[in-house]
Amino acid sequence: MANTTKKRRQLSIETKLQILESVDTGEKKTAIAERFNIPASTLSTIIANRHKMRNGIEKFGPERKRSRSYKNDELDRKVFEWFTEVRSANIPLSGSILQDRAKTIALKLGIDDFHASNGWLSRFKRRWNLTTLRVCGEEAAVDVAVVEEWKEHLPSLVAGYDPKDIFNADESGFFYNLLPDSTLATKGEICHGGKRSKERLTVLFCTNSDGSEKLKPFVIGKFASLRCFKHVKKLPCRYGNNKSAWMTAILFREWLASLDAVMGGKNRKILLFLDGCTAHKTSDMKLRNVKVVHFPPNCTSKVQPLD
């Protein structure tokens, strides 16, 4: 026996609007159902939901295939209200921050099946006419000729060293209270950045060229004795401190002397590439197992791996 069940198909609101117009002209329902190839029950449902459908057309346009539930409409509105409030304070917002906030609002509304996916974010931005603007950003000029000349000289610098014995060290600032440097904003909005937090840690990373050895990070904070260290006997990193949480010549020399001693204990000779930071001046240090080579000035963004 052949299966005569019609496969259910999804109608756009535009098609449903055409169906309603046919109903309003007095056309017989059987003829309408046959012309649009839909069951009589589907036609009845469309007629019953005509007011809800027209509201959806006014808000979202006729291309949408299904009307949104009241809870989802409320979620959409509340997320945009929060977005508007935060942006009015010149606080940058990234897409991930907006997604996290949307999840929180959804839970408060009792919407358990909301996932705030990237697709949802894309549709939300399109619905509310949002775009991404950069708050600030600047790229330092690099002397390409100097970079190329240094690269030509590089083989002679690393001659005699295995890749595992060629290291690079560099600091990175960890601004743990810093807001994003780009933000979602309504199209045409003038983008102003607020005051940027300067609370930071400095972390020195060091690894060899083949990635087989990564030294413990050297973390520098403001305070020597932190409350969170009270019952900690061993840290997964080296820790130092000064009032600005920056790398200083004293701290760097202590770290470098320690590295030299460790390599001496392993009977290893290594090559360490450093940038020209003032704290990295080591010409007067007597190192037995670490040879320091500095990158040319203003070129680290092109030649330093850890940059």
Protein backbone atom coordinates (compact mmCIF):
# COMPACT_ATOMS: atom_id res chain seq x y z
CA MET A 1 0.00 0.00 0.00
CA ALA A 2 1.47 3.37 -1.01
CA ASN A 3 2.15 5.99 1.63
CA THR A 4 -0.14 8.92 0.84
CA THR A 5 0.95 11.10 3.78
CA LYS A 6 2.12 14.48 2.58
CA LYS A 7 5.55 15.59 3.70
CA ARG A 8 5.23 18.56 6.00
CA ARG A 9 6.80 21.69 4.58
CA GLN A 10 7.54 25.00 6.23
CA LEU A 11 5.81 28.05 4.81
CA SER A 12 7.28 31.53 4.93
CA ILE A 13 5.21 34.29 6.48
CA GLU A 14 5.05 35.85 3.01
CA THR A 15 3.30 32.73 1.68
CA LYS A 16 0.96 32.65 4.67
CA LEU A 17 0.10 36.28 3.98
CA GLN A 18 -0.88 35.35 0.41
CA ILE A 19 -3.07 32.58 1.80
CA LEU A 20 -4.83 35.02 4.13
CA GLU A 21 -5.41 37.43 1.26
CA SER A 22 -7.06 34.61 -0.67
CA VAL A 23 -9.28 33.84 2.33
CA ASP A 24 -10.27 37.53 2.62
CA THR A 25 -11.33 37.61 -1.05
CA GLY A 26 -13.87 34.85 -0.33
CA GLU A 27 -12.12 32.04 -2.19
CA LYS A 28 -13.18 28.59 -1.04
CA LYS A 29 -10.90 27.04 1.56
CA THR A 30 -10.67 23.75 -0.35
CA ALA A 31 -9.49 25.62 -3.44
CA ILE A 32 -6.92 27.59 -1.40
CA ALA A 33 -5.55 24.44 0.24
CA GLU A 34 -5.26 22.72 -3.15
CA ARG A 35 -3.58 25.73 -4.82
CA PHE A 36 -0.97 26.09 -2.09
CA ASN A 37 -0.66 22.30 -1.64
CA ILE A 38 -1.39 22.33 2.09
CA PRO A 39 -3.75 20.27 4.29
CA ALA A 40 -7.01 21.80 5.42
CA SER A 41 -5.77 21.64 9.05
CA THR A 42 -2.76 23.80 8.18
CA LEU A 43 -5.02 26.36 6.52
CA SER A 44 -7.19 26.49 9.63
CA THR A 45 -4.12 27.06 11.84
CA ILE A 46 -2.93 29.91 9.61
CA ILE A 47 -6.32 31.59 9.78
CA ALA A 48 -6.49 31.18 13.57
CA ASN A 49 -3.04 32.77 14.04
CA ARG A 50 -3.49 35.64 11.59
CA HIS A 51 -3.13 38.44 14.19
CA LYS A 52 0.04 36.98 15.69
CA MET A 53 1.42 36.54 12.18
CA ARG A 54 0.78 40.14 11.16
CA ASN A 55 2.58 41.36 14.30
CA GLY A 56 5.56 39.24 13.29
CA ILE A 57 5.56 40.75 9.82
CA GLU A 58 5.57 44.29 11.22
CA LYS A 59 8.54 43.52 13.45
CA PHE A 60 10.69 41.08 11.48
CA GLY A 61 9.58 41.26 7.84
CA PRO A 62 7.81 38.68 5.64
CA GLU A 63 10.86 36.47 4.95
CA ARG A 64 10.91 34.87 8.41
CA LYS A 65 9.52 31.33 8.30
CA ARG A 66 8.12 31.13 11.79
CA SER A 67 6.94 33.58 14.41
CA ARG A 68 8.97 33.91 17.56
CA SER A 69 7.46 32.94 20.91
CA TYR A 70 6.62 35.64 23.42
CA LYS A 71 9.48 34.55 25.71
CA ASN A 72 12.03 34.79 22.90
CA ASP A 73 10.74 38.22 21.93
CA GLU A 74 11.06 39.32 25.55
CA LEU A 75 14.58 37.87 25.73
CA ASP A 76 15.54 39.72 22.57
CA ARG A 77 14.20 42.99 23.95
CA LYS A 78 15.81 42.62 27.38
CA VAL A 79 19.21 41.74 25.88
CA PHE A 80 19.07 44.84 23.69
CA GLU A 81 18.00 46.99 26.68
CA TRP A 82 21.04 45.71 28.61
CA PHE A 83 23.25 46.31 25.59
CA THR A 84 21.98 49.90 25.26
CA GLU A 85 22.52 50.58 28.96
CA VAL A 86 26.09 49.27 28.92
CA ARG A 87 27.03 51.11 25.72
CA SER A 88 25.62 54.36 27.09
CA ALA A 89 28.38 54.13 29.72
CA ASN A 90 31.00 53.74 26.94
CA ILE A 91 31.83 50.20 28.04
CA PRO A 92 33.12 48.05 25.15
CA LEU A 93 31.20 44.84 24.49
CA SER A 94 32.39 41.82 22.54
CA GLY A 95 30.11 39.23 20.99
CA SER A 96 31.08 36.62 23.61
CA ILE A 97 30.17 39.00 26.45
CA LEU A 98 26.78 39.61 24.84
CA GLN A 99 26.23 35.87 24.44
CA ASP A 100 27.05 35.21 28.10
CA ARG A 101 24.67 37.94 29.21
CA ALA A 102 21.93 36.60 26.94
CA LYS A 103 22.27 33.17 28.59
CA THR A 104 21.89 34.75 32.03
CA ILE A 105 18.79 36.70 30.97
CA ALA A 106 17.31 33.56 29.35
CA LEU A 107 17.66 31.63 32.62
CA LYS A 108 15.91 34.45 34.51
CA LEU A 109 13.06 34.25 32.00
CA GLY A 110 12.82 30.48 32.41
CA ILE A 111 14.06 29.69 28.89
CA ASP A 112 16.07 26.50 29.42
CA ASP A 113 16.71 25.57 25.79
CA PHE A 114 18.48 28.80 24.78
CA HIS A 115 22.13 28.36 23.74
CA ALA A 116 23.25 31.84 22.55
CA SER A 117 25.06 30.31 19.58
CA ASN A 118 27.12 32.24 17.06
CA GLY A 119 24.15 31.97 14.72
CA TRP A 120 21.93 33.62 17.33
CA LEU A 121 24.50 36.39 17.78
CA SER A 122 24.64 37.01 14.02
CA ARG A 123 20.84 37.23 13.79
CA PHE A 124 20.63 39.45 16.89
CA LYS A 125 23.13 41.90 15.37
CA ARG A 126 21.15 41.93 12.13
CA ARG A 127 17.81 42.45 13.90
CA TRP A 128 19.07 45.40 15.93
CA ASN A 129 21.36 46.84 13.27
CA LEU A 130 24.59 46.28 15.24
CA THR A 131 28.13 46.24 13.93
CA THR A 132 31.63 45.87 15.38
CA LEU A 133 33.79 48.97 15.82
CA ARG A 134 37.37 49.17 17.00
CA VAL A 135 37.88 51.39 20.03
CA CYS A 136 41.54 51.99 19.42
CA GLY A 137 44.51 50.42 17.76
CA GLU A 138 47.90 51.42 16.44
CA GLU A 139 50.59 49.52 14.56
CA ALA A 140 54.22 50.52 15.06
CA ALA A 141 56.32 51.21 12.02
CA VAL A 142 58.92 48.57 11.26
CA ASP A 143 62.07 49.14 9.21
CA VAL A 144 61.78 46.36 6.65
CA ALA A 145 65.36 46.85 5.43
CA VAL A 146 66.74 46.32 8.94
CA VAL A 147 64.60 43.20 9.36
CA GLU A 148 65.82 41.69 6.10
CA GLU A 149 69.45 42.48 6.91
CA TRP A 150 69.11 40.87 10.33
CA LYS A 151 67.54 37.74 8.82
CA GLU A 152 70.50 37.39 6.49
CA HIS A 153 72.81 37.58 9.50
CA LEU A 154 70.74 35.10 11.54
CA PRO A 155 72.35 31.83 10.26
CA SER A 156 75.74 32.95 11.52
CA LEU A 157 74.25 33.78 14.94
CA VAL A 158 72.70 30.35 15.47
CA ALA A 159 75.59 28.37 13.97
CA GLY A 160 76.74 25.62 16.33
CA TYR A 161 73.49 25.50 18.33
CA ASP A 162 70.87 22.78 18.08
CA PRO A 163 67.24 24.04 17.80
CA LYS A 164 66.57 22.74 21.32
CA ASP A 165 69.32 25.07 22.63
CA ILE A 166 68.04 28.25 20.96
CA PHE A 167 65.68 30.14 23.28
CA ASN A 168 63.57 33.27 23.18
CA ALA A 169 62.19 35.10 26.22
CA ASP A 170 59.68 37.94 26.30
CA GLU A 171 57.25 39.57 28.71
CA SER A 172 53.53 39.96 28.26
CA GLY A 173 51.23 42.23 30.24
CA PHE A 174 48.19 40.52 31.73
CA PHE A 175 45.60 43.28 32.23
CA TYR A 176 43.05 41.18 34.09
CA ASN A 177 40.51 44.02 34.44
CA LEU A 178 40.87 45.34 30.90
CA LEU A 179 37.76 45.63 28.72
CA PRO A 180 37.75 44.64 25.02
CA ASP A 181 39.27 47.09 22.52
CA SER A 182 36.38 46.57 20.10
CA THR A 183 32.67 46.73 20.78
CA LEU A 184 29.30 45.96 19.30
CA ALA A 185 27.49 49.20 18.50
CA THR A 186 24.55 50.45 16.51
CA LYS A 187 25.49 51.44 12.97
CA GLY A 188 26.36 55.13 12.76
CA GLU A 189 27.17 55.39 16.48
CA ILE A 190 30.27 57.42 17.36
CA CYS A 191 32.50 55.06 19.32
CA HIS A 192 34.26 56.40 22.42
CA GLY A 193 36.42 54.33 24.73
CA GLY A 194 36.13 54.71 28.50
CA LYS A 195 38.96 54.84 30.99
CA ARG A 196 41.14 51.75 30.60
CA SER A 197 42.12 49.76 33.67
CA LYS A 198 45.86 49.62 34.33
CA GLU A 199 45.70 46.80 36.88
CA ARG A 200 48.16 44.22 35.62
CA LEU A 201 50.56 41.37 36.11
CA THR A 202 53.68 40.91 33.99
CA VAL A 203 54.53 37.41 32.80
CA LEU A 204 57.89 36.43 31.31
CA PHE A 205 57.70 33.46 28.96
CA CYS A 206 60.69 31.50 27.68
CA THR A 207 60.80 28.56 25.27
CA ASN A 208 63.19 26.94 22.83
CA SER A 209 62.85 27.04 19.05
CA ASP A 210 61.57 23.49 18.55
CA GLY A 211 59.00 23.82 21.36
CA SER A 212 60.40 20.87 23.30
CA GLU A 213 61.16 22.92 26.42
CA LYS A 214 58.99 25.62 27.95
CA LEU A 215 60.36 27.16 31.13
CA LYS A 216 58.11 28.02 34.05
CA PRO A 217 56.56 31.46 33.53
CA PHE A 218 57.97 34.26 35.67
CA VAL A 219 54.99 36.18 37.06
CA ILE A 220 55.49 39.67 38.52
CA GLY A 221 52.86 41.29 40.71
CA LYS A 222 52.70 44.28 43.02
CA PHE A 223 52.77 42.49 46.34
CA ALA A 224 55.32 40.15 47.89
CA SER A 225 52.89 38.27 50.14
CA LEU A 226 49.45 37.63 48.69
CA ARG A 227 46.55 36.35 50.75
CA CYS A 228 45.91 33.58 48.20
CA PHE A 229 49.46 32.29 48.78
CA LYS A 230 48.86 31.71 52.50
CA HIS A 231 48.70 27.90 52.42
CA VAL A 232 50.48 27.40 49.10
CA LYS A 233 53.84 25.69 49.45
CA LYS A 234 54.71 25.41 45.76
CA LEU A 235 53.72 27.54 42.77
CA PRO A 236 53.56 26.37 39.14
CA CYS A 237 55.57 29.48 38.25
CA ARG A 238 58.31 31.74 39.53
CA TYR A 239 56.96 34.82 41.33
CA GLY A 240 58.48 38.25 41.90
CA ASN A 241 57.13 41.65 42.80
CA ASN A 242 57.61 45.39 42.64
CA LYS A 243 55.24 48.32 43.14
CA SER A 244 54.44 48.70 39.42
CA ALA A 245 54.24 44.95 38.59
CA TRP A 246 56.70 45.57 35.75
CA MET A 247 59.84 43.70 34.85
CA THR A 248 62.88 45.46 36.31
CA ALA A 249 66.60 45.02 35.63
CA ILE A 250 67.08 43.50 39.09
CA LEU A 251 64.31 40.91 38.65
CA PHE A 252 65.45 40.02 35.15
CA ARG A 253 69.07 39.62 36.22
CA GLU A 254 68.00 37.29 39.04
CA TRP A 255 65.97 35.22 36.57
CA LEU A 256 68.80 35.12 34.01
CA ALA A 257 71.41 34.17 36.63
CA SER A 258 69.14 31.35 37.77
CA LEU A 259 68.72 30.16 34.16
CA ASP A 260 72.50 30.23 33.68
CA ALA A 261 72.95 28.10 36.79
CA VAL A 262 70.32 25.58 35.68
CA MET A 263 71.94 25.18 32.27
CA GLY A 264 75.34 24.80 33.93
CA GLY A 265 73.96 21.96 36.03
CA LYS A 266 72.84 20.25 32.82
CA ASN A 267 76.15 20.96 31.11
CA ARG A 268 74.31 22.86 28.35
CA LYS A 269 75.22 25.95 26.38
CA ILE A 270 72.22 27.87 25.06
CA LEU A 271 71.53 30.91 22.90
CA LEU A 272 68.91 33.35 24.25
CA PHE A 273 67.30 35.96 22.00
CA LEU A 274 65.94 39.08 23.73
CA ASP A 275 64.45 42.38 22.63
CA GLY A 276 65.97 45.73 23.52
CA CYS A 277 63.91 46.38 26.66
CA THR A 278 65.87 48.45 29.21
CA ALA A 279 65.47 45.68 31.80
CA HIS A 280 67.18 43.25 29.43
CA LYS A 281 70.57 45.01 29.42
CA THR A 282 73.00 42.26 30.40
CA SER A 283 76.32 43.31 28.85
CA ASP A 284 78.03 43.49 32.25
CA MET A 285 76.77 40.09 33.46
CA LYS A 286 79.20 37.18 33.52
CA LEU A 287 77.22 34.28 32.09
CA ARG A 288 78.90 30.93 31.54
CA ASN A 289 76.17 28.92 29.88
CA VAL A 290 73.80 31.47 28.30
CA LYS A 291 74.79 33.62 25.34
CA VAL A 292 72.46 36.61 24.93
CA VAL A 293 71.68 38.10 21.51
CA HIS A 294 69.44 41.17 21.16
CA PHE A 295 67.03 41.78 18.31
CA PRO A 296 67.45 45.03 16.37
CA PRO A 297 65.39 47.92 17.80
CA ASN A 298 61.75 48.43 16.72
CA CYS A 299 61.67 45.14 14.83
CA THR A 300 60.46 42.61 17.39
CA SER A 301 56.94 42.45 15.90
CA LYS A 302 58.52 40.94 12.78
CA VAL A 303 61.42 38.88 14.14
CA GLN A 304 60.60 37.82 17.71
CA PRO A 305 58.67 34.53 17.95
CA LEU A 306 57.16 35.27 21.38
CA ASP A 307 55.86 38.68 20.31
